[in-house]
Amino acid sequence: MIYVFLADGFEEMEALAPIDLLRRAGLSVQTVGVGSRCPTGAHGIPLTADITEAEMKLSVMEALVLPGGMPGTTHLDASETVRSAIAYASTHGLPMGAICAAPSVLGHAGVLRGLKATCFPGFEPELIGATATDAAVITDGTVTTARGAGVATEFALELVARLASSESAHRIRKEIQCP
């Protein structure tokens, strides 16, 4: 199961692009409401999560995705559930993705040490232990990071390539008419 964590103030494009494209690739994705079953995005769009934090099971997690947005990222960073999921993923070598401000959550959790990572400009100091790059999307080890909403589709396609296959990512890119 791929868990996409949503907290009040999440960036809608950064959440929905990965959810949509990972599901198009035939992968099992569940959204996890952090603090609420129906978090509201940074631009006022409510989304009903598939499950709540209490319903999440680490033992079935295959990967996790953290969308950015404010104050969504702050809420993710403060969540014991999110911290536990990151620790579990790190310990078990599971893929993690974070975009915009959300790579800071991974930085605070200590999982970026020794890796290259990218984020929304200004959050570089929060990528603790990482080498910050200006790449739009970058994967290093088990971690994929991206700069922001403008590259949400590229971020999602990179996750599809990693979690399904590069062929699936190519097929989906073509289907959605993404150059």
Protein backbone atom coordinates (compact mmCIF):
# COMPACT_ATOMS: atom_id res chain seq x y z
CA MET A 1 0.00 0.00 0.00
CA ILE A 2 1.26 3.47 -0.90
CA TYR A 3 0.17 6.01 1.69
CA VAL A 4 -0.30 9.66 0.70
CA PHE A 5 -0.59 11.79 3.84
CA LEU A 6 -2.98 14.76 3.75
CA ALA A 7 -3.23 17.41 6.45
CA ASP A 8 -5.13 20.69 6.48
CA GLY A 9 -3.31 23.07 4.17
CA PHE A 10 -1.92 20.45 1.76
CA GLU A 11 -1.09 21.66 -1.77
CA GLU A 12 -3.82 20.13 -3.91
CA MET A 13 -1.82 19.61 -7.12
CA GLU A 14 1.06 18.02 -5.23
CA ALA A 15 -1.32 15.52 -3.62
CA LEU A 16 -3.66 14.72 -6.48
CA ALA A 17 -1.09 14.26 -9.26
CA PRO A 18 0.69 11.40 -7.44
CA ILE A 19 -2.59 9.83 -6.27
CA ASP A 20 -4.03 9.92 -9.79
CA LEU A 21 -0.96 8.72 -11.70
CA LEU A 22 -0.01 6.01 -9.21
CA ARG A 23 -3.56 4.64 -9.44
CA ARG A 24 -3.43 4.83 -13.25
CA ALA A 25 -0.33 2.65 -12.98
CA GLY A 26 -2.44 0.07 -11.15
CA LEU A 27 -0.81 0.61 -7.77
CA SER A 28 -2.68 0.47 -4.46
CA VAL A 29 -2.85 3.97 -3.00
CA GLN A 30 -4.65 5.18 0.09
CA THR A 31 -4.89 8.73 1.30
CA VAL A 32 -4.40 9.13 5.03
CA GLY A 33 -6.17 12.02 6.75
CA VAL A 34 -3.82 13.56 9.29
CA GLY A 35 -5.83 15.24 12.02
CA SER A 36 -9.07 14.94 10.05
CA ARG A 37 -10.88 12.50 7.76
CA CYS A 38 -11.61 15.46 5.47
CA PRO A 39 -8.61 17.80 5.34
CA THR A 40 -8.92 21.02 3.35
CA GLY A 41 -6.22 21.97 0.90
CA ALA A 42 -4.26 25.20 0.89
CA HIS A 43 -6.68 26.64 -1.68
CA GLY A 44 -9.89 25.64 0.06
CA ILE A 45 -10.54 22.31 -1.67
CA PRO A 46 -11.70 19.65 0.81
CA LEU A 47 -10.74 16.03 0.20
CA THR A 48 -12.17 13.02 1.97
CA ALA A 49 -9.28 10.73 2.90
CA ASP A 50 -9.56 6.99 2.32
CA ILE A 51 -8.51 6.25 5.90
CA THR A 52 -7.66 8.05 9.11
CA GLU A 53 -4.36 7.93 10.97
CA ALA A 54 -5.85 5.37 13.35
CA GLU A 55 -6.72 3.05 10.44
CA MET A 56 -3.25 3.12 8.90
CA LYS A 57 -1.18 -0.07 9.20
CA LEU A 58 2.59 0.28 8.89
CA SER A 59 2.94 -3.43 8.17
CA VAL A 60 1.24 -3.03 4.76
CA MET A 61 3.00 0.20 3.77
CA GLU A 62 5.11 -0.14 0.62
CA ALA A 63 5.88 3.56 0.13
CA LEU A 64 4.83 6.99 1.38
CA VAL A 65 4.23 10.35 -0.26
CA LEU A 66 4.17 13.76 1.43
CA PRO A 67 2.63 16.68 -0.49
CA GLY A 68 3.73 20.14 0.49
CA GLY A 69 1.66 23.24 1.02
CA MET A 70 1.22 25.41 4.06
CA PRO A 71 0.29 24.87 6.75
CA GLY A 72 -0.04 21.24 5.56
CA THR A 73 3.69 20.62 5.80
CA THR A 74 3.77 21.98 9.34
CA HIS A 75 0.94 19.63 10.32
CA LEU A 76 2.71 16.65 8.72
CA ASP A 77 5.90 17.53 10.58
CA ALA A 78 4.03 17.65 13.89
CA SER A 79 2.24 14.32 13.37
CA GLU A 80 3.46 11.35 15.38
CA THR A 81 1.80 9.09 12.79
CA VAL A 82 3.79 10.65 9.94
CA ARG A 83 7.01 10.46 11.96
CA SER A 84 6.34 6.78 12.71
CA ALA A 85 5.65 6.07 9.03
CA ILE A 86 8.89 7.80 7.98
CA ALA A 87 10.88 5.88 10.59
CA TYR A 88 9.31 2.60 9.45
CA ALA A 89 9.98 3.36 5.78
CA SER A 90 13.56 4.34 6.55
CA THR A 91 14.23 1.23 8.63
CA HIS A 92 12.70 -1.05 5.98
CA GLY A 93 14.22 0.68 2.93
CA LEU A 94 10.84 1.70 1.55
CA PRO A 95 10.52 4.44 -1.08
CA MET A 96 9.53 7.91 0.10
CA GLY A 97 8.47 10.93 -1.91
CA ALA A 98 8.11 14.54 -0.79
CA ILE A 99 7.46 17.71 -2.76
CA CYS A 100 7.66 21.47 -2.19
CA ALA A 101 8.05 22.21 1.52
CA ALA A 102 7.48 18.57 2.56
CA PRO A 103 11.10 17.44 2.01
CA SER A 104 11.73 19.45 5.18
CA VAL A 105 9.74 16.81 7.09
CA LEU A 106 12.14 14.16 5.81
CA GLY A 107 15.07 16.42 6.72
CA HIS A 108 13.80 16.85 10.26
CA ALA A 109 13.38 13.06 10.51
CA GLY A 110 17.04 12.60 9.58
CA VAL A 111 16.43 10.49 6.47
CA LEU A 112 18.09 12.88 4.01
CA ARG A 113 21.59 12.62 5.48
CA GLY A 114 24.09 12.00 2.71
CA LEU A 115 21.50 12.31 -0.06
CA LYS A 116 20.85 14.87 -2.78
CA ALA A 117 17.44 16.52 -2.43
CA THR A 118 15.43 19.44 -3.70
CA CYS A 119 12.59 21.52 -2.29
CA PHE A 120 10.66 24.76 -2.62
CA PRO A 121 13.18 27.64 -2.59
CA GLY A 122 13.90 28.81 0.94
CA PHE A 123 13.44 25.41 2.60
CA GLU A 124 16.98 24.22 1.80
CA PRO A 125 18.20 24.73 5.40
CA GLU A 126 15.54 22.22 6.51
CA LEU A 127 17.02 19.46 4.32
CA ILE A 128 19.22 18.48 7.24
CA GLY A 129 22.26 16.51 6.14
CA ALA A 130 21.36 16.58 2.45
CA THR A 131 23.08 18.25 -0.45
CA ALA A 132 20.46 20.66 -1.74
CA THR A 133 20.12 20.82 -5.53
CA ASP A 134 18.08 23.01 -7.84
CA ALA A 135 16.74 19.98 -9.74
CA ALA A 136 13.01 19.98 -10.42
CA VAL A 137 12.76 16.33 -9.33
CA ILE A 138 15.52 14.12 -7.99
CA THR A 139 15.73 10.58 -6.67
CA ASP A 140 18.63 9.56 -4.47
CA GLY A 141 18.50 6.18 -2.82
CA THR A 142 14.96 5.50 -1.68
CA VAL A 143 13.95 9.18 -1.58
CA THR A 144 12.38 11.26 -4.35
CA THR A 145 12.01 15.01 -3.78
CA ALA A 146 10.61 17.78 -5.96
CA ARG A 147 10.47 21.59 -5.97
CA GLY A 148 6.76 22.44 -6.09
CA ALA A 149 3.33 22.37 -7.69
CA GLY A 150 4.67 23.23 -11.14
CA VAL A 151 6.48 19.89 -11.29
CA ALA A 152 3.78 17.80 -9.60
CA THR A 153 3.20 15.72 -12.75
CA GLU A 154 6.93 15.08 -13.21
CA PHE A 155 7.17 14.13 -9.54
CA ALA A 156 4.23 11.74 -9.93
CA LEU A 157 5.70 10.19 -13.09
CA GLU A 158 9.03 9.65 -11.31
CA LEU A 159 7.15 7.88 -8.50
CA VAL A 160 5.35 5.70 -11.09
CA ALA A 161 8.70 4.82 -12.70
CA ARG A 162 10.13 3.83 -9.32
CA LEU A 163 7.09 2.05 -7.87
CA ALA A 164 5.66 0.43 -11.02
CA SER A 165 8.02 0.65 -14.00
CA SER A 166 9.58 3.10 -16.44
CA GLU A 167 7.32 1.56 -19.10
CA SER A 168 4.24 2.46 -17.03
CA ALA A 169 5.52 6.00 -16.57
CA HIS A 170 6.14 6.33 -20.33
CA ARG A 171 2.68 4.94 -21.13
CA ILE A 172 0.95 7.28 -18.68
CA ARG A 173 2.99 10.28 -19.90
CA LYS A 174 1.73 9.54 -23.42
CA GLU A 175 -1.88 8.95 -22.29
CA ILE A 176 -2.07 12.27 -20.43
CA GLN A 177 -0.35 14.14 -23.28
CA CYS A 178 2.56 15.27 -21.12
CA PRO A 179 5.58 16.29 -23.24
